[in-house]
Amino acid sequence: MSSYAAHIATVQARFDAALAATNFDSVLIYAGQPRVAFLDDNPAPFKVNPLFKYWLPVTESPKSAIFYERGQKPVLFLFQARDFWHAPVKIEPAEWQNHFELVVIDDLAQLTSKLGSKIYDAAFIGEDFAEPVASWQVQAHNPQALLDHLHFHRAIKTDWEVENLRLANELATRAHLAARDAFLAGKSELEIHHAYLAEINFRESQLPYNSIVGLNEHGAILHYDVYETKAPAESRSFLIDAGATYNGYCADITRTYAREDGFFADLVAAMDTAQQDLLTEIKPGVDYYQLHVSQHLKVAQILSDFGFVKGSAQSIYEQGFTSAFFPHGLGHFIGLQVHDVGGFLRNDRGDTFDRDPRHPFLRLLRPVEEGQVFTIEPGLYVVDQLLEAHADAKELNWDRIAELRPYGGVRIEDSIVVGAEGNNENLTRDAFAKLDA
């Protein structure tokens, strides 16, 4: 059995269980359709419903839908508009077509006609902001219990999903090296961004998220995506958080570079070592929250070693200083979505973990399980807004912090596939290693 055939069998089994647990016999999964800008007729780039691409690697076919009855062969209503304004959707022959009943339509009325009364009993999953979808008389729209059941089990990736994540990382690492070279050549943020896209021949809309391309102090802006068009007089540092997609699966990689040896290069190396040390602690049964705390203690040690904050790692963490330098979560699930779902679910019945007030931005609180895929992305930045709360703290060495401010900060991010007993796969570093081979 191929990995895709095994994947489809798993997806069907998960849907069968979810439908049975929530008293539905069938589900209609709508791919979605583009939204237009306010008071305009230009649509935003189309992003497919992740539960649609969970079944098959078709990501650019708006107005398509999958109808699935428990235990039956799924039906794909593939929308191909009769439209002289736009290029038709191209669907190349592929293995997934062996697992679906394929019905090509050019009008959504053909879908409702084909389903007849079956649509009344279906649970609908997807956006329904536009007609005629908004008026479809289904049994329920996006029932939370059904979504919770599906999202909880989606956290365990199939072999086929991991293959796609692996290839997405291989694409993204190629682009990362091109961006690094553009930085070393003194290019502007926009030119670096263009180098990234050109290396993998992507349009901007094909990226899984807006790339963060920050030179110098811009590296301290966590979601910076302005892209200055002129290179700074001096490019001291470079932080890039950027990904790629393959068959709808996402890579999310961050690297930080120093132009010259010295203080900042040493800090980047120390953060890289701390991140790799944490990777050795990942194994089934460990709480992801505890990994987050462990990484904070490692960041606290760096703050002490580099003279930013006086004290032991434990005291620096306990006094809350690390949260001013490392304010975001350690990482998140990744897969069909960059911030993949289910990170707060205790079980498939929808019970959730409470967010911790000490670390409110952590997106993942579940115990680590074999087959999960998540990111590990510690950071250390000078964020003046966060440091204001500690303005009178004698433990902070403000002169030393001022030395870091022109460099922004450091973040390093890899995606990890959890194996049994800690034999994990680092999708990101393995991809970089293939390029160095």
Protein backbone atom coordinates (compact mmCIF):
# COMPACT_ATOMS: atom_id res chain seq x y z
CA MET A 1 0.00 0.00 0.00
CA SER A 2 1.35 3.44 -0.90
CA SER A 3 1.76 6.09 1.77
CA TYR A 4 -1.08 8.11 0.21
CA ALA A 5 -3.42 5.10 0.18
CA ALA A 6 -2.61 4.52 3.85
CA HIS A 7 -3.21 8.21 4.53
CA ILE A 8 -6.64 8.12 2.89
CA ALA A 9 -7.54 5.03 4.91
CA THR A 10 -6.55 6.88 8.09
CA VAL A 11 -8.50 10.01 7.13
CA GLN A 12 -11.61 7.95 6.36
CA ALA A 13 -11.31 6.10 9.67
CA ARG A 14 -10.93 9.39 11.55
CA PHE A 15 -13.96 10.86 9.81
CA ASP A 16 -15.98 7.69 10.44
CA ALA A 17 -15.18 7.91 14.16
CA ALA A 18 -15.86 11.64 14.33
CA LEU A 19 -19.18 11.38 12.49
CA ALA A 20 -20.31 8.47 14.66
CA ALA A 21 -19.32 10.27 17.88
CA THR A 22 -21.27 13.39 16.87
CA ASN A 23 -24.33 11.66 15.36
CA PHE A 24 -23.80 12.60 11.74
CA ASP A 25 -23.96 10.19 8.82
CA SER A 26 -22.21 12.38 6.26
CA VAL A 27 -20.14 15.50 5.78
CA LEU A 28 -19.84 18.06 3.00
CA ILE A 29 -16.42 19.74 2.98
CA TYR A 30 -16.36 22.91 0.90
CA ALA A 31 -13.00 24.05 -0.49
CA GLY A 32 -14.03 27.69 -0.16
CA GLN A 33 -13.90 30.56 -2.59
CA PRO A 34 -12.07 33.90 -2.81
CA ARG A 35 -13.30 36.90 -0.87
CA VAL A 36 -13.28 40.33 -2.46
CA ALA A 37 -11.93 43.43 -0.79
CA PHE A 38 -14.39 45.87 0.78
CA LEU A 39 -16.10 48.08 -1.82
CA ASP A 40 -14.07 46.39 -4.54
CA ASP A 41 -14.26 43.46 -6.90
CA ASN A 42 -10.65 42.27 -6.59
CA PRO A 43 -10.37 39.04 -4.61
CA ALA A 44 -7.72 38.23 -2.07
CA PRO A 45 -5.52 35.18 -2.80
CA PHE A 46 -7.49 31.98 -2.32
CA LYS A 47 -6.64 29.77 0.65
CA VAL A 48 -8.26 26.35 0.60
CA ASN A 49 -10.11 24.87 3.57
CA PRO A 50 -7.47 22.77 5.41
CA LEU A 51 -9.93 19.92 5.95
CA PHE A 52 -10.45 19.78 2.17
CA LYS A 53 -6.73 19.39 1.45
CA TYR A 54 -6.52 16.85 4.29
CA TRP A 55 -8.15 14.43 1.86
CA LEU A 56 -6.29 15.25 -1.34
CA PRO A 57 -3.50 17.54 -2.59
CA VAL A 58 -5.73 19.92 -4.56
CA THR A 59 -5.20 23.44 -3.24
CA GLU A 60 -6.18 25.74 -6.12
CA SER A 61 -9.72 24.64 -6.96
CA PRO A 62 -12.20 27.02 -5.30
CA LYS A 63 -15.89 26.08 -5.21
CA SER A 64 -15.04 22.38 -5.16
CA ALA A 65 -16.36 20.10 -2.42
CA ILE A 66 -16.01 16.61 -0.98
CA PHE A 67 -19.07 14.64 0.08
CA TYR A 68 -18.38 11.73 2.39
CA GLU A 69 -20.80 9.21 3.88
CA ARG A 70 -19.56 6.94 6.63
CA GLY A 71 -17.90 3.87 5.16
CA GLN A 72 -18.47 4.93 1.55
CA LYS A 73 -16.17 6.13 -1.22
CA PRO A 74 -15.82 9.92 -1.05
CA VAL A 75 -17.21 12.00 -3.90
CA LEU A 76 -15.19 14.94 -5.18
CA PHE A 77 -17.21 17.66 -6.89
CA LEU A 78 -14.43 19.33 -8.86
CA PHE A 79 -15.44 22.82 -9.94
CA GLN A 80 -14.15 23.87 -13.36
CA ALA A 81 -15.89 27.05 -14.41
CA ARG A 82 -16.86 27.80 -17.97
CA ASP A 83 -15.18 31.18 -17.84
CA PHE A 84 -13.31 33.04 -20.59
CA TRP A 85 -11.90 35.52 -18.05
CA HIS A 86 -9.67 33.09 -16.16
CA ALA A 87 -7.43 30.12 -16.88
CA PRO A 88 -9.09 26.79 -16.06
CA VAL A 89 -7.91 24.78 -13.05
CA LYS A 90 -5.40 22.17 -14.20
CA ILE A 91 -5.69 18.78 -12.54
CA GLU A 92 -2.91 16.42 -13.55
CA PRO A 93 -3.38 12.63 -13.32
CA ALA A 94 -2.47 11.54 -9.79
CA GLU A 95 -2.94 8.68 -7.36
CA TRP A 96 -5.62 10.44 -5.35
CA GLN A 97 -8.03 10.09 -8.27
CA ASN A 98 -8.19 6.33 -7.63
CA HIS A 99 -9.75 6.95 -4.23
CA PHE A 100 -12.58 9.31 -5.21
CA GLU A 101 -15.67 9.28 -7.32
CA LEU A 102 -14.92 12.31 -9.48
CA VAL A 103 -17.77 14.58 -10.59
CA VAL A 104 -16.74 17.62 -12.63
CA ILE A 105 -19.13 20.55 -12.31
CA ASP A 106 -19.28 24.11 -13.64
CA ASP A 107 -22.23 25.23 -11.51
CA LEU A 108 -22.83 24.55 -7.81
CA ALA A 109 -26.44 23.75 -8.63
CA GLN A 110 -25.10 20.54 -10.16
CA LEU A 111 -23.73 19.55 -6.75
CA THR A 112 -27.04 20.04 -4.95
CA SER A 113 -28.90 18.28 -7.76
CA LYS A 114 -26.56 15.28 -7.60
CA LEU A 115 -26.83 15.00 -3.80
CA GLY A 116 -30.58 15.56 -3.69
CA SER A 117 -32.04 14.97 -0.24
CA LYS A 118 -28.69 13.68 1.09
CA ILE A 119 -27.50 17.26 1.58
CA TYR A 120 -30.14 17.81 4.29
CA ASP A 121 -28.49 15.25 6.59
CA ALA A 122 -24.89 16.37 6.02
CA ALA A 123 -22.68 18.33 8.37
CA PHE A 124 -21.16 21.22 6.43
CA ILE A 125 -17.52 22.18 7.02
CA GLY A 126 -16.21 25.35 5.41
CA GLU A 127 -16.93 28.99 4.72
CA ASP A 128 -20.50 29.83 3.78
CA PHE A 129 -20.35 33.60 3.35
CA ALA A 130 -21.50 33.59 -0.29
CA GLU A 131 -24.48 32.32 -2.22
CA PRO A 132 -25.55 29.75 -3.12
CA VAL A 133 -23.58 28.00 -0.38
CA ALA A 134 -25.06 30.22 2.34
CA SER A 135 -28.53 28.91 1.52
CA TRP A 136 -27.73 25.20 1.39
CA GLN A 137 -30.05 23.39 3.76
CA VAL A 138 -27.61 21.17 5.58
CA GLN A 139 -28.07 19.60 9.01
CA ALA A 140 -25.40 21.73 10.69
CA HIS A 141 -22.78 24.33 9.80
CA ASN A 142 -19.28 23.70 11.19
CA PRO A 143 -20.46 21.78 14.27
CA GLN A 144 -17.87 22.35 16.97
CA ALA A 145 -18.01 18.81 18.33
CA LEU A 146 -17.20 17.38 14.92
CA LEU A 147 -14.36 19.85 14.37
CA ASP A 148 -12.90 19.16 17.82
CA HIS A 149 -12.89 15.41 17.18
CA LEU A 150 -11.15 15.82 13.83
CA HIS A 151 -8.69 18.44 15.06
CA PHE A 152 -7.60 16.40 18.06
CA HIS A 153 -6.59 13.42 15.91
CA ARG A 154 -5.05 15.54 13.16
CA ALA A 155 -2.15 16.19 15.54
CA ILE A 156 -0.80 12.70 14.76
CA LYS A 157 0.57 12.86 11.24
CA THR A 158 0.49 10.02 8.73
CA ASP A 159 3.60 8.93 6.85
CA TRP A 160 2.30 10.69 3.74
CA GLU A 161 1.87 13.93 5.66
CA VAL A 162 5.42 13.71 6.99
CA GLU A 163 6.70 13.11 3.45
CA ASN A 164 5.04 16.34 2.32
CA LEU A 165 6.36 18.26 5.32
CA ARG A 166 9.83 16.93 4.57
CA LEU A 167 9.65 18.18 0.98
CA ALA A 168 8.25 21.55 2.07
CA ASN A 169 11.27 21.96 4.36
CA GLU A 170 13.63 21.05 1.53
CA LEU A 171 12.12 23.79 -0.62
CA ALA A 172 12.24 26.36 2.17
CA THR A 173 15.86 25.66 3.14
CA ARG A 174 16.98 26.28 -0.43
CA ALA A 175 15.24 29.63 -0.35
CA HIS A 176 16.69 30.43 3.08
CA LEU A 177 20.23 30.01 1.79
CA ALA A 178 19.48 32.27 -1.17
CA ALA A 179 18.15 34.90 1.25
CA ARG A 180 21.24 34.56 3.45
CA ASP A 181 23.48 35.11 0.44
CA ALA A 182 21.49 38.21 -0.54
CA PHE A 183 21.95 39.58 2.99
CA LEU A 184 25.70 38.98 2.84
CA ALA A 185 25.73 40.77 -0.53
CA GLY A 186 24.26 43.87 1.13
CA LYS A 187 20.79 43.71 -0.41
CA SER A 188 17.69 45.45 0.91
CA GLU A 189 14.93 43.57 2.72
CA LEU A 190 12.74 43.62 -0.38
CA GLU A 191 15.60 42.36 -2.56
CA ILE A 192 16.26 39.57 -0.06
CA HIS A 193 12.56 38.64 -0.16
CA HIS A 194 12.68 38.54 -3.96
CA ALA A 195 15.77 36.31 -3.84
CA TYR A 196 13.86 33.94 -1.57
CA LEU A 197 10.91 33.70 -3.96
CA ALA A 198 13.09 33.38 -7.04
CA GLU A 199 15.09 30.46 -5.64
CA ILE A 200 12.00 28.23 -5.41
CA ASN A 201 10.01 29.90 -8.19
CA PHE A 202 7.11 30.82 -5.91
CA ARG A 203 4.59 33.60 -6.11
CA GLU A 204 4.16 35.45 -2.82
CA SER A 205 0.62 34.08 -2.47
CA GLN A 206 2.01 30.53 -2.53
CA LEU A 207 3.92 31.02 0.70
CA PRO A 208 2.25 29.67 3.83
CA TYR A 209 2.52 33.05 5.59
CA ASN A 210 4.02 36.51 5.13
CA SER A 211 7.77 36.09 5.39
CA ILE A 212 9.61 37.99 8.12
CA VAL A 213 12.70 39.54 6.56
CA GLY A 214 14.31 41.81 9.13
CA LEU A 215 17.66 43.58 8.99
CA ASN A 216 19.30 45.02 12.09
CA GLU A 217 16.83 46.25 14.73
CA HIS A 218 13.88 44.96 12.68
CA GLY A 219 14.77 41.51 13.98
CA ALA A 220 13.17 42.51 17.29
CA ILE A 221 9.72 42.97 15.67
CA LEU A 222 8.19 39.53 16.01
CA HIS A 223 5.95 39.65 12.92
CA TYR A 224 7.88 42.22 10.90
CA ASP A 225 6.89 42.18 7.21
CA VAL A 226 7.43 45.73 5.94
CA TYR A 227 10.38 44.98 3.58
CA GLU A 228 12.37 48.21 3.30
CA THR A 229 13.24 48.91 -0.32
CA LYS A 230 16.62 50.48 0.41
CA ALA A 231 19.48 48.67 2.08
CA PRO A 232 20.66 50.19 5.35
CA ALA A 233 24.04 51.88 5.40
CA GLU A 234 25.26 49.01 7.56
CA SER A 235 23.67 45.54 7.55
CA ARG A 236 24.72 44.15 10.90
CA SER A 237 22.24 41.31 11.38
CA PHE A 238 19.52 39.40 9.57
CA LEU A 239 16.53 37.46 10.91
CA ILE A 240 14.38 35.53 8.44
CA ASP A 241 11.26 33.58 9.33
CA ALA A 242 9.91 32.12 6.10
CA GLY A 243 8.46 28.89 4.77
CA ALA A 244 7.17 27.04 1.76
CA THR A 245 4.37 24.61 0.92
CA TYR A 246 4.25 21.22 -0.74
CA ASN A 247 0.91 19.55 -1.53
CA GLY A 248 -0.67 21.99 0.91
CA TYR A 249 1.68 21.17 3.82
CA CYS A 250 3.75 23.91 5.42
CA ALA A 251 7.35 24.55 6.34
CA ASP A 252 8.12 27.25 8.91
CA ILE A 253 11.81 28.01 9.43
CA THR A 254 13.66 30.80 11.19
CA ARG A 255 17.37 31.56 11.06
CA THR A 256 19.43 34.50 12.29
CA TYR A 257 22.77 35.65 10.85
CA ALA A 258 25.52 38.03 11.91
CA ARG A 259 27.56 39.81 9.26
CA GLU A 260 30.76 39.71 11.31
CA ASP A 261 32.30 37.63 14.06
CA GLY A 262 31.97 39.05 17.55
CA PHE A 263 29.34 39.74 20.16
CA PHE A 264 26.20 39.11 18.09
CA ALA A 265 27.61 36.09 16.26
CA ASP A 266 28.47 34.59 19.64
CA LEU A 267 24.92 35.21 20.83
CA VAL A 268 23.46 33.51 17.75
CA ALA A 269 25.74 30.51 18.36
CA ALA A 270 24.69 30.34 22.02
CA MET A 271 21.00 30.40 21.10
CA ASP A 272 21.56 27.71 18.49
CA THR A 273 23.24 25.49 21.08
CA ALA A 274 20.43 26.10 23.59
CA GLN A 275 17.82 25.20 20.98
CA GLN A 276 19.63 22.00 20.03
CA ASP A 277 20.03 21.08 23.69
CA LEU A 278 16.28 21.38 24.14
CA LEU A 279 15.67 19.09 21.16
CA THR A 280 17.25 16.24 23.14
CA GLU A 281 14.49 16.59 25.77
CA ILE A 282 11.65 15.85 23.34
CA LYS A 283 10.08 12.42 23.81
CA PRO A 284 6.58 10.99 24.23
CA GLY A 285 5.02 11.71 27.60
CA VAL A 286 6.77 15.03 28.19
CA ASP A 287 4.47 18.04 28.50
CA TYR A 288 5.16 20.63 25.80
CA TYR A 289 4.66 23.25 28.52
CA GLN A 290 7.64 21.82 30.40
CA LEU A 291 9.75 22.09 27.24
CA HIS A 292 8.76 25.75 27.07
CA VAL A 293 9.85 26.33 30.68
CA SER A 294 13.09 24.42 30.09
CA GLN A 295 13.85 26.66 27.12
CA HIS A 296 13.18 29.75 29.25
CA LEU A 297 15.76 28.53 31.76
CA LYS A 298 18.27 28.06 28.94
CA VAL A 299 17.54 31.59 27.68
CA ALA A 300 17.95 32.84 31.26
CA GLN A 301 21.41 31.27 31.37
CA ILE A 302 22.32 33.08 28.15
CA LEU A 303 21.04 36.36 29.60
CA SER A 304 23.35 35.79 32.55
CA ASP A 305 26.34 34.56 30.54
CA PHE A 306 26.22 37.57 28.19
CA GLY A 307 25.74 40.04 31.00
CA PHE A 308 22.26 41.25 30.08
CA VAL A 309 20.79 40.27 33.45
CA LYS A 310 22.53 39.59 36.75
CA GLY A 311 21.68 36.44 38.66
CA SER A 312 21.29 32.70 38.28
CA ALA A 313 19.17 31.20 35.51
CA GLN A 314 16.55 30.14 38.05
CA SER A 315 16.28 33.58 39.65
CA ILE A 316 16.16 35.35 36.28
CA TYR A 317 13.28 33.11 35.21
CA GLU A 318 11.41 33.34 38.52
CA GLN A 319 11.51 37.14 38.46
CA GLY A 320 9.92 37.15 35.01
CA PHE A 321 12.85 38.72 33.19
CA THR A 322 13.01 36.01 30.49
CA SER A 323 9.49 36.85 29.31
CA ALA A 324 10.65 40.37 28.43
CA PHE A 325 13.35 38.96 26.15
CA PHE A 326 11.51 35.79 25.00
CA PRO A 327 7.82 36.79 24.94
CA HIS A 328 6.34 34.28 22.50
CA GLY A 329 5.64 30.58 22.78
CA LEU A 330 8.26 27.91 22.17
CA GLY A 331 6.41 26.63 19.12
CA HIS A 332 3.24 25.14 17.68
CA PHE A 333 1.85 22.20 15.75
CA ILE A 334 2.53 22.41 12.02
CA GLY A 335 1.01 20.59 9.07
CA LEU A 336 -1.85 21.63 6.82
CA GLN A 337 -1.69 24.98 8.60
CA VAL A 338 1.36 26.84 9.85
CA HIS A 339 -0.21 27.10 13.29
CA ASP A 340 -1.92 23.75 13.07
CA VAL A 341 -4.98 23.01 15.16
CA GLY A 342 -5.57 21.06 18.34
CA GLY A 343 -2.83 22.49 20.53
CA PHE A 344 -5.20 23.16 23.46
CA LEU A 345 -7.39 20.04 23.17
CA ARG A 346 -7.23 17.49 26.00
CA ASN A 347 -9.26 14.91 24.09
CA ASP A 348 -11.49 14.46 21.05
CA ARG A 349 -14.56 15.49 23.06
CA GLY A 350 -13.47 19.12 23.03
CA ASP A 351 -12.18 19.52 26.58
CA THR A 352 -9.34 22.05 26.63
CA PHE A 353 -6.27 23.03 28.61
CA ASP A 354 -6.42 26.45 30.25
CA ARG A 355 -3.89 28.93 28.97
CA ASP A 356 -1.19 29.67 31.50
CA PRO A 357 -1.16 33.36 32.56
CA ARG A 358 2.63 33.22 32.90
CA HIS A 359 3.02 32.17 29.26
CA PRO A 360 -0.19 33.30 27.50
CA PHE A 361 1.17 33.13 23.96
CA LEU A 362 2.11 29.45 24.03
CA ARG A 363 0.07 27.73 21.30
CA LEU A 364 0.59 24.14 22.43
CA LEU A 365 -0.15 22.64 25.83
CA ARG A 366 -0.71 18.96 25.03
CA PRO A 367 1.61 16.16 26.10
CA VAL A 368 4.11 15.10 23.47
CA GLU A 369 3.07 12.01 21.47
CA GLU A 370 4.79 9.93 18.83
CA GLY A 371 3.75 11.17 15.38
CA GLN A 372 3.20 14.79 16.37
CA VAL A 373 5.00 17.45 14.35
CA PHE A 374 5.71 20.80 15.97
CA THR A 375 8.16 23.68 15.85
CA ILE A 376 10.79 24.62 18.41
CA GLU A 377 11.60 28.34 18.07
CA PRO A 378 13.24 30.09 21.02
CA GLY A 379 14.08 33.77 20.72
CA LEU A 380 15.92 36.55 22.49
CA TYR A 381 15.20 40.16 21.52
CA VAL A 382 15.40 43.75 22.72
CA VAL A 383 11.73 44.79 22.84
CA ASP A 384 11.61 48.17 24.57
CA GLN A 385 7.86 47.97 25.17
CA LEU A 386 8.35 44.81 27.25
CA LEU A 387 11.44 46.10 29.04
CA GLU A 388 9.52 49.13 30.33
CA ALA A 389 8.00 46.96 33.06
CA HIS A 390 11.52 46.33 34.40
CA ALA A 391 12.85 49.88 34.07
CA ASP A 392 13.83 50.02 37.75
CA ALA A 393 15.22 46.49 37.97
CA LYS A 394 18.81 46.65 39.19
CA GLU A 395 19.43 43.19 37.79
CA LEU A 396 19.26 44.45 34.20
CA ASN A 397 22.46 45.74 32.62
CA TRP A 398 21.10 48.52 30.43
CA ASP A 399 24.46 49.31 28.82
CA ARG A 400 24.80 45.71 27.69
CA ILE A 401 21.21 45.64 26.45
CA ALA A 402 21.94 48.80 24.46
CA GLU A 403 24.73 46.91 22.66
CA LEU A 404 22.20 44.34 21.45
CA ARG A 405 19.49 46.81 20.42
CA PRO A 406 21.00 47.67 16.98
CA TYR A 407 20.96 43.94 16.12
CA GLY A 408 17.30 43.38 17.05
CA GLY A 409 17.40 39.82 18.25
CA VAL A 410 17.79 36.13 17.57
CA ARG A 411 15.28 33.39 16.71
CA ILE A 412 16.01 29.85 15.53
CA GLU A 413 13.20 27.52 14.45
CA ASP A 414 13.08 23.88 13.39
CA SER A 415 10.19 21.46 12.81
CA ILE A 416 10.36 18.17 14.70
CA VAL A 417 8.64 14.83 14.04
CA VAL A 418 8.32 13.03 17.36
CA GLY A 419 9.60 9.47 17.35
CA ALA A 420 9.48 6.77 19.98
CA GLU A 421 11.87 7.22 22.91
CA GLY A 422 13.31 10.46 21.61
CA ASN A 423 14.51 9.25 18.20
CA ASN A 424 13.01 12.34 16.59
CA GLU A 425 13.39 13.62 13.04
CA ASN A 426 14.45 17.23 12.60
CA LEU A 427 12.86 18.09 9.25
CA THR A 428 14.61 21.45 9.07
CA ARG A 429 18.19 20.57 9.94
CA ASP A 430 18.02 17.41 7.83
CA ALA A 431 16.95 19.56 4.87
CA PHE A 432 19.83 21.98 5.42
CA ALA A 433 22.22 19.03 5.73
CA LYS A 434 21.12 17.68 2.34
CA LEU A 435 22.07 20.99 0.75
CA ASP A 436 25.51 20.88 2.38
CA ALA A 437 26.15 17.31 1.24
